[in-house]
Amino acid sequence: MTNTPASPTVLLVNEQDNVLGTAEKLSVHESGDLHRAFSVLVFNEQGDYLLQQRAFEKYHSGGLWSNSCCGHPSQPDNTAAQANQRLYEEMGFRTDLQPLFSFQYHAQLPNGLTEHELDHVFTGQYEGPVPFNPDEVCAVRWIAPDALAREMEMAPETFSVWFRMLFERLQKSA
């Protein structure tokens, strides 16, 4: 059984992020069509990253450590609001999100699926408990950027492919 809502759809986009239509999420990950996504990075006052370990039941990348939250907007407008709603659904809290940058990537996943996303990255700050949804997340942790860089270097296979790319881009811009 996959851990996805009934027939969720994603926004198909071109390289300029113009919406071309919608398609079923799993079929897009099978075909490798370019679609819109978002990634949320949450930091505490010390600048530590809030990571989630994806639920093992996810249809891809289950059990891997990743950014605080990620997902696919279902509507073409107000991606930030949809990202914050998904953050609440997965992690159990809301925070103000600010756009950071967008990037496009294409990656093969181990189970024959493909990620081909135009990913809108948002950041936020949060202090407090993280009452995560166990259907989406199996663990959370805070980690300092330097410790995260070492861990990614030593065991990159324990992190989601998009988070590795996102973190690398952040490291280069620092």
Foldseek 3Di string as FASTA:
>chain_A
DALDPPQAKAFQADPVRDGPGIHGPQVCQQVVGETAKEAEWEAEPVRWTKWFQWDQRHPFNHRAIAGLFMGGDRDSPDVQVVRQVRSCQFFNDGFDKDWDDWDWDWDAGPVNTIDTYGYTYIYGYDDDHGPGDNSTTVDIDTGHLVVVVVCCVVCVVRHDPVRVVVSVVVVVVD
